[in-house]
PDB file of N, CA and C in Angstrom:
ATOM      1  N   GLN A   1       0.992  -1.004  -0.251  1.00  0.00           N
ATOM      2  CA  GLN A   1       0.115  -0.274   0.144  1.00  0.00           C
ATOM      3  C   GLN A   1       1.516   1.282  -0.215  1.00  0.00           C
ATOM      4  N   PRO A   2       0.320   2.265  -0.919  1.00  0.00           N
ATOM      5  CA  PRO A   2       0.946   3.341  -0.537  1.00  0.00           C
ATOM      6  C   PRO A   2       1.557   4.018   0.820  1.00  0.00           C
ATOM      7  N   LEU A   3       2.559   4.991   1.092  1.00  0.00           N
ATOM      8  CA  LEU A   3       2.180   5.184   2.504  1.00  0.00           C
ATOM      9  C   LEU A   3       1.406   7.223   2.211  1.00  0.00           C
ATOM     10  N   CYS A   4       0.909   7.542   1.215  1.00  0.00           N
ATOM     11  CA  CYS A   4       0.614   9.384   0.922  1.00  0.00           C
ATOM     12  C   CYS A   4       0.842   8.615  -1.232  1.00  0.00           C
ATOM     13  N   THR A   5      -0.835   9.345  -0.476  1.00  0.00           N
ATOM     14  CA  THR A   5      -1.071   9.823  -2.408  1.00  0.00           C
ATOM     15  C   THR A   5      -1.132  11.250  -2.574  1.00  0.00           C
ATOM     16  N   LYS A   6      -1.217  12.062  -3.299  1.00  0.00           N
ATOM     17  CA  LYS A   6      -1.344  13.261  -3.687  1.00  0.00           C
ATOM     18  C   LYS A   6      -2.342  13.877  -5.081  1.00  0.00           C
ATOM     19  N   SER A   7      -3.161  14.505  -4.986  1.00  0.00           N
ATOM     20  CA  SER A   7      -3.611  14.817  -6.408  1.00  0.00           C
ATOM     21  C   SER A   7      -2.653  16.280  -7.576  1.00  0.00           C
ATOM     22  N   VAL A   8      -2.822  16.393  -8.070  1.00  0.00           N
ATOM     23  CA  VAL A   8      -2.140  17.530  -8.580  1.00  0.00           C
ATOM     24  C   VAL A   8      -2.610  17.610  -9.936  1.00  0.00           C
ATOM     25  N   GLN A   9      -3.560  18.468 -10.343  1.00  0.00           N
ATOM     26  CA  GLN A   9      -3.632  19.612 -11.475  1.00  0.00           C
ATOM     27  C   GLN A   9      -3.001  19.765 -12.109  1.00  0.00           C
ATOM     28  N   ALA A  10      -3.150  19.364 -13.804  1.00  0.00           N
ATOM     29  CA  ALA A  10      -1.757  20.723 -14.725  1.00  0.00           C
ATOM     30  C   ALA A  10      -2.223  21.054 -15.369  1.00  0.00           C
ATOM     31  N   THR A  11      -2.604  21.843 -16.429  1.00  0.00           N
ATOM     32  CA  THR A  11      -3.277  22.916 -17.093  1.00  0.00           C
ATOM     33  C   THR A  11      -1.922  22.767 -18.211  1.00  0.00           C
ATOM     34  N   VAL A  12      -2.706  21.874 -19.505  1.00  0.00           N
ATOM     35  CA  VAL A  12      -1.955  22.094 -21.075  1.00  0.00           C
ATOM     36  C   VAL A  12      -2.300  23.549 -21.738  1.00  0.00           C
ATOM     37  N   GLY A  13      -1.613  24.088 -22.307  1.00  0.00           N
ATOM     38  CA  GLY A  13      -1.746  24.561 -23.573  1.00  0.00           C
ATOM     39  C   GLY A  13      -2.415  23.702 -25.145  1.00  0.00           C
ATOM     40  N   SER A  14      -2.809  24.636 -25.443  1.00  0.00           N
ATOM     41  CA  SER A  14      -3.112  24.205 -26.280  1.00  0.00           C
ATOM     42  C   SER A  14      -1.904  23.599 -27.082  1.00  0.00           C
ATOM     43  N   PHE A  15      -2.038  22.642 -28.331  1.00  0.00           N
ATOM     44  CA  PHE A  15      -1.713  22.205 -29.344  1.00  0.00           C
ATOM     45  C   PHE A  15      -2.257  21.723 -30.492  1.00  0.00           C
ATOM     46  N   VAL A  16      -2.177  21.036 -31.388  1.00  0.00           N
ATOM     47  CA  VAL A  16      -2.342  20.816 -32.211  1.00  0.00           C
ATOM     48  C   VAL A  16      -2.983  19.531 -31.948  1.00  0.00           C
ATOM     49  N   GLU A  17      -3.899  19.005 -31.920  1.00  0.00           N
ATOM     50  CA  GLU A  17      -4.693  17.759 -32.303  1.00  0.00           C
ATOM     51  C   GLU A  17      -3.932  16.280 -34.181  1.00  0.00           C
ATOM     52  N   ASN A  18      -4.378  17.019 -34.241  1.00  0.00           N
ATOM     53  CA  ASN A  18      -4.529  16.898 -35.684  1.00  0.00           C
ATOM     54  C   ASN A  18      -4.185  17.715 -37.284  1.00  0.00           C
ATOM     55  N   VAL A  19      -3.495  17.386 -37.968  1.00  0.00           N
ATOM     56  CA  VAL A  19      -3.112  17.807 -39.977  1.00  0.00           C
ATOM     57  C   VAL A  19      -3.482  17.610 -41.071  1.00  0.00           C
ATOM     58  N   ASN A  20      -4.434  17.670 -40.999  1.00  0.00           N
ATOM     59  CA  ASN A  20      -5.125  16.601 -42.680  1.00  0.00           C
ATOM     60  C   ASN A  20      -5.201  17.683 -43.621  1.00  0.00           C
ATOM     61  N   GLN A  21      -4.721  16.795 -44.897  1.00  0.00           N
ATOM     62  CA  GLN A  21      -4.244  17.470 -46.555  1.00  0.00           C
ATOM     63  C   GLN A  21      -4.924  17.394 -46.950  1.00  0.00           C
ATOM     64  N   THR A  22      -6.562  18.896 -47.380  1.00  0.00           N
ATOM     65  CA  THR A  22      -7.585  18.526 -47.840  1.00  0.00           C
ATOM     66  C   THR A  22      -6.460  19.116 -49.279  1.00  0.00           C
ATOM     67  N   ALA A  23      -6.245  19.754 -50.336  1.00  0.00           N
ATOM     68  CA  ALA A  23      -5.864  20.690 -51.044  1.00  0.00           C
ATOM     69  C   ALA A  23      -3.437  20.314 -51.588  1.00  0.00           C
ATOM     70  N   ALA A  24      -3.741  20.602 -52.348  1.00  0.00           N
ATOM     71  CA  ALA A  24      -2.855  20.539 -52.899  1.00  0.00           C
ATOM     72  C   ALA A  24      -2.167  21.819 -52.495  1.00  0.00           C
ATOM     73  N   ASP A  25      -2.463  22.795 -52.013  1.00  0.00           N
ATOM     74  CA  ASP A  25      -1.960  24.170 -51.192  1.00  0.00           C
ATOM     75  C   ASP A  25      -2.905  24.108 -50.241  1.00  0.00           C
ATOM     76  N   GLY A  26      -3.301  23.585 -49.014  1.00  0.00           N
ATOM     77  CA  GLY A  26      -3.766  23.652 -47.839  1.00  0.00           C
ATOM     78  C   GLY A  26      -3.828  22.090 -46.711  1.00  0.00           C
ATOM     79  N   VAL A  27      -4.040  23.386 -45.855  1.00  0.00           N
ATOM     80  CA  VAL A  27      -4.167  22.276 -44.727  1.00  0.00           C
ATOM     81  C   VAL A  27      -5.576  22.500 -43.684  1.00  0.00           C
ATOM     82  N   TYR A  28      -6.326  21.560 -43.312  1.00  0.00           N
ATOM     83  CA  TYR A  28      -6.762  21.833 -41.675  1.00  0.00           C
ATOM     84  C   TYR A  28      -5.465  21.210 -40.598  1.00  0.00           C
ATOM     85  N   VAL A  29      -5.677  22.324 -39.845  1.00  0.00           N
ATOM     86  CA  VAL A  29      -5.156  22.076 -38.582  1.00  0.00           C
ATOM     87  C   VAL A  29      -6.332  21.670 -37.247  1.00  0.00           C
ATOM     88  N   THR A  30      -6.160  21.072 -36.957  1.00  0.00           N
ATOM     89  CA  THR A  30      -7.197  20.338 -35.624  1.00  0.00           C
ATOM     90  C   THR A  30      -6.168  20.762 -33.614  1.00  0.00           C
ATOM     91  N   PHE A  31      -7.476  21.535 -33.342  1.00  0.00           N
ATOM     92  CA  PHE A  31      -5.986  22.287 -31.383  1.00  0.00           C
ATOM     93  C   PHE A  31      -7.472  21.373 -30.612  1.00  0.00           C
ATOM     94  N   ASN A  32      -6.260  20.976 -30.110  1.00  0.00           N
ATOM     95  CA  ASN A  32      -7.074  20.536 -28.351  1.00  0.00           C
ATOM     96  C   ASN A  32      -8.398  21.268 -27.783  1.00  0.00           C
ATOM     97  N   SER A  33      -8.543  23.049 -28.833  1.00  0.00           N
ATOM     98  CA  SER A  33      -9.435  24.020 -27.649  1.00  0.00           C
ATOM     99  C   SER A  33      -9.034  25.804 -28.478  1.00  0.00           C
ATOM    100  N   PRO A  34      -9.913  26.138 -28.539  1.00  0.00           N
ATOM    101  CA  PRO A  34     -10.263  27.209 -29.696  1.00  0.00           C
ATOM    102  C   PRO A  34      -8.808  28.412 -29.551  1.00  0.00           C
ATOM    103  N   VAL A  35      -8.403  28.592 -30.461  1.00  0.00           N
ATOM    104  CA  VAL A  35      -7.626  28.947 -31.119  1.00  0.00           C
ATOM    105  C   VAL A  35      -7.198  30.738 -31.355  1.00  0.00           C
ATOM    106  N   ALA A  36      -8.372  30.474 -32.463  1.00  0.00           N
ATOM    107  CA  ALA A  36      -8.178  32.173 -33.527  1.00  0.00           C
ATOM    108  C   ALA A  36      -8.210  32.634 -32.676  1.00  0.00           C
ATOM    109  N   SER A  37      -8.543  33.151 -31.549  1.00  0.00           N
ATOM    110  CA  SER A  37      -8.138  34.656 -31.010  1.00  0.00           C
ATOM    111  C   SER A  37      -5.947  34.653 -30.927  1.00  0.00           C
ATOM    112  N   GLN A  38      -5.426  33.685 -31.210  1.00  0.00           N
ATOM    113  CA  GLN A  38      -3.943  33.389 -30.576  1.00  0.00           C
ATOM    114  C   GLN A  38      -3.538  33.413 -31.371  1.00  0.00           C
ATOM    115  N   TYR A  39      -4.008  33.111 -32.243  1.00  0.00           N
ATOM    116  CA  TYR A  39      -2.979  33.113 -33.437  1.00  0.00           C
ATOM    117  C   TYR A  39      -3.079  33.464 -35.372  1.00  0.00           C
ATOM    118  N   LYS A  40      -2.355  34.326 -35.722  1.00  0.00           N
ATOM    119  CA  LYS A  40      -2.934  34.919 -36.505  1.00  0.00           C
ATOM    120  C   LYS A  40      -0.845  34.739 -38.260  1.00  0.00           C
ATOM    121  N   GLU A  41      -2.033  34.381 -39.833  1.00  0.00           N
ATOM    122  CA  GLU A  41      -0.893  33.789 -40.480  1.00  0.00           C
ATOM    123  C   GLU A  41       0.271  34.141 -39.872  1.00  0.00           C
ATOM    124  N   SER A  42       0.706  34.868 -39.380  1.00  0.00           N
ATOM    125  CA  SER A  42       2.995  34.778 -39.478  1.00  0.00           C
ATOM    126  C   SER A  42       3.331  33.778 -38.327  1.00  0.00           C
ATOM    127  N   ASP A  43       1.710  33.568 -37.242  1.00  0.00           N
ATOM    128  CA  ASP A  43       2.918  33.211 -36.460  1.00  0.00           C
ATOM    129  C   ASP A  43       2.886  31.337 -36.317  1.00  0.00           C
ATOM    130  N   PHE A  44       2.821  30.776 -38.505  1.00  0.00           N
ATOM    131  CA  PHE A  44       2.577  30.044 -38.549  1.00  0.00           C
ATOM    132  C   PHE A  44       3.636  29.764 -39.397  1.00  0.00           C
ATOM    133  N   SER A  45       4.308  28.507 -39.787  1.00  0.00           N
ATOM    134  CA  SER A  45       4.822  28.191 -40.607  1.00  0.00           C
ATOM    135  C   SER A  45       4.967  26.658 -41.397  1.00  0.00           C
ATOM    136  N   ILE A  46       5.155  26.525 -42.053  1.00  0.00           N
ATOM    137  CA  ILE A  46       5.025  25.671 -43.575  1.00  0.00           C
ATOM    138  C   ILE A  46       6.866  24.800 -43.819  1.00  0.00           C
ATOM    139  N   LYS A  47       7.381  24.113 -43.612  1.00  0.00           N
ATOM    140  CA  LYS A  47       8.556  24.035 -43.985  1.00  0.00           C
ATOM    141  C   LYS A  47       8.586  22.354 -44.253  1.00  0.00           C
ATOM    142  N   SER A  48       8.993  21.780 -44.885  1.00  0.00           N
ATOM    143  CA  SER A  48       9.836  19.780 -45.377  1.00  0.00           C
ATOM    144  C   SER A  48      11.582  21.139 -46.202  1.00  0.00           C
ATOM    145  N   GLY A  49      12.062  19.213 -44.945  1.00  0.00           N
ATOM    146  CA  GLY A  49      13.370  19.732 -44.674  1.00  0.00           C
ATOM    147  C   GLY A  49      14.072  21.619 -44.434  1.00  0.00           C
ATOM    148  N   GLU A  50      14.846  22.806 -45.139  1.00  0.00           N
ATOM    149  CA  GLU A  50      14.980  23.480 -45.678  1.00  0.00           C
ATOM    150  C   GLU A  50      14.207  24.702 -45.305  1.00  0.00           C
ATOM    151  N   ALA A  51      13.082  24.070 -46.896  1.00  0.00           N
ATOM    152  CA  ALA A  51      12.607  24.716 -47.904  1.00  0.00           C
ATOM    153  C   ALA A  51      11.269  25.317 -46.724  1.00  0.00           C
ATOM    154  N   THR A  52      10.685  26.175 -46.939  1.00  0.00           N
ATOM    155  CA  THR A  52       9.515  27.093 -45.959  1.00  0.00           C
ATOM    156  C   THR A  52       8.170  26.869 -47.286  1.00  0.00           C
ATOM    157  N   VAL A  53       7.291  27.667 -46.782  1.00  0.00           N
ATOM    158  CA  VAL A  53       5.900  26.843 -47.947  1.00  0.00           C
ATOM    159  C   VAL A  53       4.740  27.875 -46.767  1.00  0.00           C
ATOM    160  N   LEU A  54       5.012  29.942 -47.973  1.00  0.00           N
ATOM    161  CA  LEU A  54       4.459  30.948 -47.297  1.00  0.00           C
ATOM    162  C   LEU A  54       3.620  30.422 -46.877  1.00  0.00           C
ATOM    163  N   VAL A  55       3.044  30.622 -45.611  1.00  0.00           N
ATOM    164  CA  VAL A  55       1.312  31.037 -45.027  1.00  0.00           C
ATOM    165  C   VAL A  55       0.629  32.228 -45.813  1.00  0.00           C
ATOM    166  N   LYS A  56      -0.124  31.703 -46.875  1.00  0.00           N
ATOM    167  CA  LYS A  56      -1.441  32.923 -47.116  1.00  0.00           C
ATOM    168  C   LYS A  56      -2.159  32.777 -46.293  1.00  0.00           C
ATOM    169  N   LYS A  57      -2.553  32.674 -46.146  1.00  0.00           N
ATOM    170  CA  LYS A  57      -4.101  32.635 -45.309  1.00  0.00           C
ATOM    171  C   LYS A  57      -4.550  31.768 -44.305  1.00  0.00           C
ATOM    172  N   VAL A  58      -5.269  32.441 -43.200  1.00  0.00           N
ATOM    173  CA  VAL A  58      -5.783  30.980 -42.877  1.00  0.00           C
ATOM    174  C   VAL A  58      -6.902  31.423 -41.691  1.00  0.00           C
ATOM    175  N   LYS A  59      -7.952  30.329 -42.552  1.00  0.00           N
ATOM    176  CA  LYS A  59      -9.178  30.759 -42.272  1.00  0.00           C
ATOM    177  C   LYS A  59      -9.671  29.959 -40.785  1.00  0.00           C
ATOM    178  N   TYR A  60     -10.714  30.612 -39.234  1.00  0.00           N
ATOM    179  CA  TYR A  60     -11.265  29.573 -38.091  1.00  0.00           C
ATOM    180  C   TYR A  60     -11.669  28.282 -38.213  1.00  0.00           C
ATOM    181  N   SER A  61     -12.605  27.967 -38.068  1.00  0.00           N
ATOM    182  CA  SER A  61     -13.702  27.350 -38.144  1.00  0.00           C
ATOM    183  C   SER A  61     -14.879  28.571 -36.692  1.00  0.00           C
ATOM    184  N   GLU A  62     -16.124  27.512 -37.489  1.00  0.00           N
ATOM    185  CA  GLU A  62     -17.065  28.738 -36.452  1.00  0.00           C
ATOM    186  C   GLU A  62     -16.685  28.936 -34.851  1.00  0.00           C
ATOM    187  N   ASP A  63     -16.283  27.161 -34.742  1.00  0.00           N
ATOM    188  CA  ASP A  63     -15.857  26.602 -32.284  1.00  0.00           C
ATOM    189  C   ASP A  63     -13.261  27.856 -32.563  1.00  0.00           C
ATOM    190  N   GLY A  64     -13.353  27.954 -33.391  1.00  0.00           N
ATOM    191  CA  GLY A  64     -12.371  28.146 -33.657  1.00  0.00           C
ATOM    192  C   GLY A  64     -10.741  27.581 -32.782  1.00  0.00           C
ATOM    193  N   LYS A  65     -10.947  25.607 -33.096  1.00  0.00           N
ATOM    194  CA  LYS A  65     -10.189  24.864 -33.018  1.00  0.00           C
ATOM    195  C   LYS A  65     -10.384  24.236 -33.686  1.00  0.00           C
ATOM    196  N   THR A  66     -10.170  24.670 -35.236  1.00  0.00           N
ATOM    197  CA  THR A  66      -9.874  23.956 -36.293  1.00  0.00           C
ATOM    198  C   THR A  66      -9.172  25.249 -37.819  1.00  0.00           C
ATOM    199  N   ALA A  67      -8.267  25.398 -38.510  1.00  0.00           N
ATOM    200  CA  ALA A  67      -7.538  26.387 -38.609  1.00  0.00           C
ATOM    201  C   ALA A  67      -7.461  25.852 -40.626  1.00  0.00           C
ATOM    202  N   TYR A  68      -7.825  26.550 -41.699  1.00  0.00           N
ATOM    203  CA  TYR A  68      -8.124  25.973 -42.370  1.00  0.00           C
ATOM    204  C   TYR A  68      -6.303  27.230 -43.605  1.00  0.00           C
ATOM    205  N   ILE A  69      -5.759  25.997 -43.782  1.00  0.00           N
ATOM    206  CA  ILE A  69      -3.605  26.907 -43.663  1.00  0.00           C
ATOM    207  C   ILE A  69      -3.692  27.092 -45.597  1.00  0.00           C
ATOM    208  N   THR A  70      -4.435  27.793 -46.182  1.00  0.00           N
ATOM    209  CA  THR A  70      -3.401  28.074 -47.990  1.00  0.00           C
ATOM    210  C   THR A  70      -2.266  28.923 -47.826  1.00  0.00           C
ATOM    211  N   THR A  71      -1.215  27.553 -48.431  1.00  0.00           N
ATOM    212  CA  THR A  71      -0.488  28.271 -48.268  1.00  0.00           C
ATOM    213  C   THR A  71      -0.457  29.317 -50.511  1.00  0.00           C
ATOM    214  N   ALA A  72       1.121  30.015 -50.296  1.00  0.00           N
ATOM    215  CA  ALA A  72       1.333  30.839 -51.566  1.00  0.00           C
ATOM    216  C   ALA A  72       1.560  29.500 -53.282  1.00  0.00           C
ATOM    217  N   THR A  73       1.543  28.520 -53.017  1.00  0.00           N
ATOM    218  CA  THR A  73       2.520  27.369 -52.951  1.00  0.00           C
ATOM    219  C   THR A  73       1.808  25.494 -52.848  1.00  0.00           C
ATOM    220  N   ASN A  74       2.089  25.235 -54.471  1.00  0.00           N
ATOM    221  CA  ASN A  74       1.283  23.962 -53.933  1.00  0.00           C
ATOM    222  C   ASN A  74       2.439  22.697 -53.283  1.00  0.00           C
ATOM    223  N   PHE A  75       1.847  21.927 -52.378  1.00  0.00           N
ATOM    224  CA  PHE A  75       2.888  21.294 -51.943  1.00  0.00           C
ATOM    225  C   PHE A  75       3.642  19.944 -52.771  1.00  0.00           C
ATOM    226  N   ILE A  76       4.849  19.329 -52.302  1.00  0.00           N
ATOM    227  CA  ILE A  76       5.788  18.399 -53.630  1.00  0.00           C
ATOM    228  C   ILE A  76       5.406  17.396 -53.216  1.00  0.00           C
ATOM    229  N   ASP A  77       4.904  15.931 -54.660  1.00  0.00           N
ATOM    230  CA  ASP A  77       4.092  15.648 -54.043  1.00  0.00           C
ATOM    231  C   ASP A  77       5.255  14.041 -52.734  1.00  0.00           C
ATOM    232  N   GLY A  78       5.092  13.400 -52.249  1.00  0.00           N
ATOM    233  CA  GLY A  78       5.608  12.177 -51.245  1.00  0.00           C
ATOM    234  C   GLY A  78       6.381  13.162 -50.810  1.00  0.00           C
ATOM    235  N   ARG A  79       6.686  14.804 -49.564  1.00  0.00           N
ATOM    236  CA  ARG A  79       7.595  15.033 -49.407  1.00  0.00           C
ATOM    237  C   ARG A  79       6.954  15.689 -48.182  1.00  0.00           C
ATOM    238  N   LYS A  80       7.712  15.570 -46.626  1.00  0.00           N
ATOM    239  CA  LYS A  80       6.697  15.740 -45.514  1.00  0.00           C
ATOM    240  C   LYS A  80       7.353  16.821 -44.719  1.00  0.00           C
ATOM    241  N   TYR A  81       5.756  17.436 -44.980  1.00  0.00           N
ATOM    242  CA  TYR A  81       6.215  18.916 -44.232  1.00  0.00           C
ATOM    243  C   TYR A  81       5.847  18.238 -42.317  1.00  0.00           C
ATOM    244  N   THR A  82       6.284  19.718 -42.102  1.00  0.00           N
ATOM    245  CA  THR A  82       6.069  20.338 -40.677  1.00  0.00           C
ATOM    246  C   THR A  82       4.958  21.575 -40.547  1.00  0.00           C
ATOM    247  N   VAL A  83       4.036  21.257 -40.473  1.00  0.00           N
ATOM    248  CA  VAL A  83       3.169  22.556 -39.339  1.00  0.00           C
ATOM    249  C   VAL A  83       4.257  22.951 -38.045  1.00  0.00           C
ATOM    250  N   TYR A  84       5.077  24.122 -38.120  1.00  0.00           N
ATOM    251  CA  TYR A  84       5.053  24.595 -36.893  1.00  0.00           C
ATOM    252  C   TYR A  84       3.858  26.342 -36.352  1.00  0.00           C
ATOM    253  N   GLY A  85       3.784  26.343 -35.470  1.00  0.00           N
ATOM    254  CA  GLY A  85       3.893  28.041 -34.592  1.00  0.00           C
ATOM    255  C   GLY A  85       4.098  28.669 -33.144  1.00  0.00           C
ATOM    256  N   VAL A  86       3.617  29.271 -33.000  1.00  0.00           N
ATOM    257  CA  VAL A  86       4.124  29.373 -32.249  1.00  0.00           C
ATOM    258  C   VAL A  86       3.886  28.217 -31.085  1.00  0.00           C
ATOM    259  N   ARG A  87       4.227  27.571 -30.108  1.00  0.00           N
ATOM    260  CA  ARG A  87       4.498  26.355 -29.473  1.00  0.00           C
ATOM    261  C   ARG A  87       3.912  25.417 -29.865  1.00  0.00           C
ATOM    262  N   LEU A  88       3.828  25.469 -31.019  1.00  0.00           N
ATOM    263  CA  LEU A  88       3.367  23.861 -31.412  1.00  0.00           C
ATOM    264  C   LEU A  88       3.803  23.726 -32.719  1.00  0.00           C
ATOM    265  N   ASP A  89       4.220  21.720 -33.096  1.00  0.00           N
ATOM    266  CA  ASP A  89       4.144  21.777 -34.512  1.00  0.00           C
ATOM    267  C   ASP A  89       3.409  20.085 -34.415  1.00  0.00           C
ATOM    268  N   ARG A  90       3.374  20.180 -36.628  1.00  0.00           N
ATOM    269  CA  ARG A  90       2.884  17.934 -36.583  1.00  0.00           C
ATOM    270  C   ARG A  90       3.489  17.843 -38.005  1.00  0.00           C
ATOM    271  N   HIS A  91       3.797  16.983 -38.030  1.00  0.00           N
ATOM    272  CA  HIS A  91       3.817  16.007 -38.936  1.00  0.00           C
ATOM    273  C   HIS A  91       3.073  16.057 -39.977  1.00  0.00           C
ATOM    274  N   PHE A  92       3.351  16.170 -41.534  1.00  0.00           N
ATOM    275  CA  PHE A  92       2.134  15.582 -42.027  1.00  0.00           C
ATOM    276  C   PHE A  92       2.879  15.142 -43.763  1.00  0.00           C
ATOM    277  N   LEU A  93       2.477  14.353 -44.401  1.00  0.00           N
ATOM    278  CA  LEU A  93       3.092  13.404 -46.012  1.00  0.00           C
ATOM    279  C   LEU A  93       2.407  13.939 -46.862  1.00  0.00           C
ATOM    280  N   ARG A  94       2.756  15.115 -47.324  1.00  0.00           N
ATOM    281  CA  ARG A  94       1.711  15.832 -48.941  1.00  0.00           C
ATOM    282  C   ARG A  94       1.557  14.534 -49.365  1.00  0.00           C
ATOM    283  N   ARG A  95      -0.069  13.729 -50.120  1.00  0.00           N
ATOM    284  CA  ARG A  95      -0.704  13.132 -50.420  1.00  0.00           C
ATOM    285  C   ARG A  95      -1.909  12.878 -51.432  1.00  0.00           C
ATOM    286  N   ILE A  96      -2.157  13.851 -51.391  1.00  0.00           N
ATOM    287  CA  ILE A  96      -2.567  14.546 -53.154  1.00  0.00           C
ATOM    288  C   ILE A  96      -2.409  14.908 -53.903  1.00  0.00           C
TER     289      ILE A  96
END
């Protein structure tokens, strides 16, 4: 039997739950909580190796938990990309 038990409550900030590419120049990024008021276009970047894909536009869902990121150029087939933001990142493989 344990000598002592203690409960600890921790607050976890926003993080990316999923990235889903739906177009040659766009991805949906789903967060664990609403972030629409926290992040704008300049807070995101998408990279593949040393190459950076320019983020052209970010549009949020009504609940603020999903961002649709449109890029200035198309993703290259078969490349691994990483979506970066302030305090977050997530990988996806170009498949469209």
